[in-house]
N, C-alpha and C. Protein backbone atom coordinates (compact mmCIF):
# COMPACT_ATOMS: atom_id res chain seq x y z
N MET A 1 7.31 26.49 6.24
CA MET A 1 7.00 27.07 7.39
C MET A 1 5.88 28.17 7.67
N LYS A 2 6.59 28.93 6.49
CA LYS A 2 6.15 29.77 6.57
C LYS A 2 4.76 30.25 6.04
N GLU A 3 4.08 29.53 5.16
CA GLU A 3 2.71 29.15 4.97
C GLU A 3 1.91 28.75 6.46
N PHE A 4 3.28 27.81 7.49
CA PHE A 4 2.13 27.52 8.73
C PHE A 4 1.96 28.02 9.67
N ILE A 5 2.67 29.11 9.33
CA ILE A 5 2.43 30.23 10.22
C ILE A 5 1.79 31.49 9.94
N GLU A 6 1.63 31.74 8.71
CA GLU A 6 0.42 32.12 8.12
C GLU A 6 -0.99 31.72 7.87
N PHE A 7 -0.95 30.34 7.38
CA PHE A 7 -2.30 29.56 8.31
C PHE A 7 -2.77 29.38 9.83
N ILE A 8 -2.00 29.47 10.33
CA ILE A 8 -2.53 29.41 12.31
C ILE A 8 -2.99 30.83 12.61
N ALA A 9 -2.53 32.02 11.87
CA ALA A 9 -2.89 33.02 12.53
C ALA A 9 -3.71 34.09 11.49
N LYS A 10 -4.06 33.18 10.30
CA LYS A 10 -5.04 33.43 9.82
C LYS A 10 -6.37 33.21 10.39
N TYR A 11 -6.23 32.40 11.35
CA TYR A 11 -7.73 32.15 11.69
C TYR A 11 -8.25 32.69 13.61
N LEU A 12 -6.46 33.59 13.82
CA LEU A 12 -6.78 33.87 15.28
C LEU A 12 -6.84 35.72 15.46
N VAL A 13 -6.97 36.26 13.56
CA VAL A 13 -6.88 37.34 13.41
C VAL A 13 -8.62 38.06 13.13
N ASP A 14 -8.64 38.80 13.19
CA ASP A 14 -10.13 39.84 12.36
C ASP A 14 -9.45 40.21 11.01
N ASN A 15 -8.07 40.57 11.07
CA ASN A 15 -8.15 41.26 9.40
C ASN A 15 -6.71 40.72 9.14
N PRO A 16 -7.25 39.57 7.99
CA PRO A 16 -6.20 38.06 8.19
C PRO A 16 -5.37 39.01 6.54
N GLU A 17 -5.33 39.89 6.24
CA GLU A 17 -4.73 40.32 5.48
C GLU A 17 -3.65 41.06 4.97
N SER A 18 -3.42 41.63 6.69
CA SER A 18 -2.49 42.47 6.84
C SER A 18 -1.56 41.65 7.91
N ILE A 19 -1.43 39.93 7.65
CA ILE A 19 -0.84 39.34 8.06
C ILE A 19 1.07 39.64 7.29
N VAL A 20 1.57 39.38 7.48
CA VAL A 20 3.10 39.79 6.95
C VAL A 20 3.80 38.62 8.12
N VAL A 21 4.50 37.87 7.52
CA VAL A 21 6.04 36.85 7.47
C VAL A 21 7.11 36.78 6.79
N GLU A 22 7.82 37.22 8.04
CA GLU A 22 9.48 37.49 7.05
C GLU A 22 10.15 36.29 8.09
N GLU A 23 11.25 35.61 6.72
CA GLU A 23 11.60 35.29 7.25
C GLU A 23 13.69 35.27 6.81
N LYS A 24 14.43 35.38 8.17
CA LYS A 24 15.63 35.71 8.05
C LYS A 24 16.96 34.22 8.70
N LEU A 25 17.49 33.74 8.20
CA LEU A 25 18.71 32.76 8.28
C LEU A 25 19.41 33.24 9.57
N GLN A 26 19.73 33.03 10.41
CA GLN A 26 20.77 33.54 11.37
C GLN A 26 22.19 32.58 11.30
N GLU A 27 21.94 31.68 11.56
CA GLU A 27 22.64 30.36 11.46
C GLU A 27 22.12 29.51 10.47
N GLU A 28 22.96 28.11 10.59
CA GLU A 28 22.88 27.30 9.38
C GLU A 28 21.65 25.72 9.43
N ASN A 29 20.98 26.13 10.75
CA ASN A 29 19.87 25.35 11.95
C ASN A 29 19.15 26.38 12.29
N LYS A 30 19.31 28.08 12.46
CA LYS A 30 18.27 28.62 13.56
C LYS A 30 17.92 29.69 12.06
N THR A 31 15.92 29.50 12.18
CA THR A 31 15.81 30.56 11.40
C THR A 31 14.81 31.45 12.12
N VAL A 32 14.81 33.07 12.10
CA VAL A 32 13.83 33.71 12.95
C VAL A 32 12.88 33.58 11.97
N TYR A 33 11.74 33.51 12.28
CA TYR A 33 10.27 34.75 11.57
C TYR A 33 9.88 35.60 12.16
N THR A 34 9.75 36.54 11.37
CA THR A 34 8.86 37.50 12.59
C THR A 34 7.73 37.68 11.87
N LEU A 35 6.29 37.50 12.44
CA LEU A 35 4.64 37.54 12.10
C LEU A 35 5.31 39.14 12.99
N LYS A 36 4.19 39.84 11.53
CA LYS A 36 3.82 40.80 11.62
C LYS A 36 1.95 41.34 11.55
N VAL A 37 0.93 41.36 12.32
CA VAL A 37 -0.41 41.91 11.80
C VAL A 37 -0.97 43.15 12.69
N HIS A 38 -1.71 43.58 12.33
CA HIS A 38 -2.73 44.51 12.41
C HIS A 38 -2.75 44.45 14.00
N SER A 39 -2.32 46.13 14.61
CA SER A 39 -2.56 46.14 15.51
C SER A 39 -3.46 46.49 16.87
N SER A 40 -4.71 46.49 16.14
CA SER A 40 -5.60 45.50 17.15
C SER A 40 -5.83 43.70 16.77
N ASP A 41 -5.00 43.46 16.48
CA ASP A 41 -5.06 41.50 16.39
C ASP A 41 -3.72 41.45 17.19
N VAL A 42 -3.00 42.21 17.79
CA VAL A 42 -1.88 41.76 18.69
C VAL A 42 -2.34 40.85 19.79
N GLY A 43 -3.44 41.14 20.12
CA GLY A 43 -3.78 40.79 21.82
C GLY A 43 -4.18 39.28 21.25
N LYS A 44 -4.92 39.37 20.22
CA LYS A 44 -5.68 37.74 19.78
C LYS A 44 -4.21 36.60 19.62
N VAL A 45 -3.26 37.47 18.71
CA VAL A 45 -2.17 36.30 18.52
C VAL A 45 -1.68 35.95 19.40
N ILE A 46 -1.54 36.65 20.65
CA ILE A 46 -0.59 36.72 21.74
C ILE A 46 -1.01 36.02 22.68
N GLY A 47 -3.10 36.38 23.09
CA GLY A 47 -3.50 34.98 23.74
C GLY A 47 -3.50 36.01 25.06
N ARG A 48 -4.04 35.40 26.26
CA ARG A 48 -3.89 35.63 27.97
C ARG A 48 -3.01 34.84 28.31
N LYS A 49 -1.70 36.00 28.85
CA LYS A 49 -0.60 35.98 29.21
C LYS A 49 0.09 34.63 28.43
N GLY A 50 -0.40 35.46 27.13
CA GLY A 50 0.99 34.52 25.92
C GLY A 50 0.52 32.81 25.65
N LYS A 51 -0.80 32.80 26.30
CA LYS A 51 -0.69 31.48 26.00
C LYS A 51 -1.21 31.01 24.35
N ASN A 52 -1.68 31.51 23.75
CA ASN A 52 -1.49 31.16 21.78
C ASN A 52 -0.24 31.69 20.96
N ALA A 53 0.49 32.19 22.12
CA ALA A 53 1.86 32.69 21.48
C ALA A 53 2.71 31.47 21.86
N GLN A 54 2.45 30.82 23.19
CA GLN A 54 3.42 30.08 23.38
C GLN A 54 2.86 28.74 22.51
N ALA A 55 1.41 28.01 22.52
CA ALA A 55 1.24 27.57 21.37
C ALA A 55 1.93 27.54 20.33
N ILE A 56 1.96 28.58 19.45
CA ILE A 56 2.41 28.52 18.07
C ILE A 56 4.17 27.98 18.28
N ARG A 57 4.47 29.02 19.25
CA ARG A 57 5.91 28.47 19.00
C ARG A 57 6.52 26.97 19.36
N THR A 58 5.98 25.91 20.43
CA THR A 58 6.14 25.00 20.49
C THR A 58 5.49 24.05 19.22
N LEU A 59 4.35 24.50 18.35
CA LEU A 59 3.99 23.68 16.81
C LEU A 59 5.11 24.02 16.12
N LEU A 60 6.29 25.41 15.98
CA LEU A 60 7.09 25.30 14.91
C LEU A 60 8.08 24.56 15.78
N THR A 61 8.03 24.08 17.15
CA THR A 61 10.12 23.90 17.44
C THR A 61 9.75 22.84 17.02
N ALA A 62 8.76 21.57 17.52
CA ALA A 62 7.96 20.44 17.25
C ALA A 62 8.14 20.10 15.38
N SER A 63 7.61 20.84 14.57
CA SER A 63 7.59 21.22 13.03
C SER A 63 9.42 21.02 12.67
N ALA A 64 9.69 22.05 13.28
CA ALA A 64 11.27 22.19 12.73
C ALA A 64 12.12 21.14 13.20
N ALA A 65 12.23 20.32 14.79
CA ALA A 65 12.83 19.60 14.65
C ALA A 65 13.00 18.16 14.50
N LYS A 66 11.71 17.91 13.05
CA LYS A 66 12.07 17.02 12.38
C LYS A 66 13.28 16.83 11.51
N ASP A 67 13.25 18.50 11.18
CA ASP A 67 14.32 18.59 10.21
C ASP A 67 15.46 19.34 10.50
N GLY A 68 15.76 18.96 12.27
CA GLY A 68 17.18 18.64 13.04
C GLY A 68 17.05 20.44 12.66
N LYS A 69 16.16 21.33 12.62
CA LYS A 69 15.96 22.85 12.53
C LYS A 69 15.76 23.45 13.90
N LYS A 70 16.38 24.58 14.22
CA LYS A 70 15.69 25.48 15.60
C LYS A 70 14.86 26.54 14.71
N VAL A 71 13.93 27.04 15.37
CA VAL A 71 12.93 28.24 14.52
C VAL A 71 12.94 29.05 16.22
N ILE A 72 12.78 30.40 15.62
CA ILE A 72 12.19 31.29 16.95
C ILE A 72 11.32 32.00 16.17
N LEU A 73 10.40 32.41 16.83
CA LEU A 73 9.42 33.31 16.28
C LEU A 73 8.75 34.65 17.18
N GLU A 74 9.13 36.17 16.81
CA GLU A 74 8.90 37.27 17.34
C GLU A 74 7.37 37.66 16.64
N ILE A 75 7.23 37.87 17.50
CA ILE A 75 5.40 39.08 17.19
C ILE A 75 5.48 40.45 17.27
N LEU A 76 5.37 40.87 15.67
CA LEU A 76 5.68 42.38 16.06
C LEU A 76 4.41 43.30 15.52
N ASP A 77 3.63 44.42 16.47
CA ASP A 77 2.87 45.41 16.53
C ASP A 77 2.90 45.96 14.75
């Protein structure tokens, strides 16, 4: 899942080398991923009215649901 987030983010940003994805396990079925990008790329990852961020979260939720897990994505600058 971590690689999937990096893969998507690399195609959205201008500085792909600054992408950092951290994984934190909160509960047995719940995982929180934190996406950090360069400050100039935050708007590109979030998108207009949060459309890009919502699309990424939808893909992650669908992918995790296959395994019976829950995923939360936080985007930091």
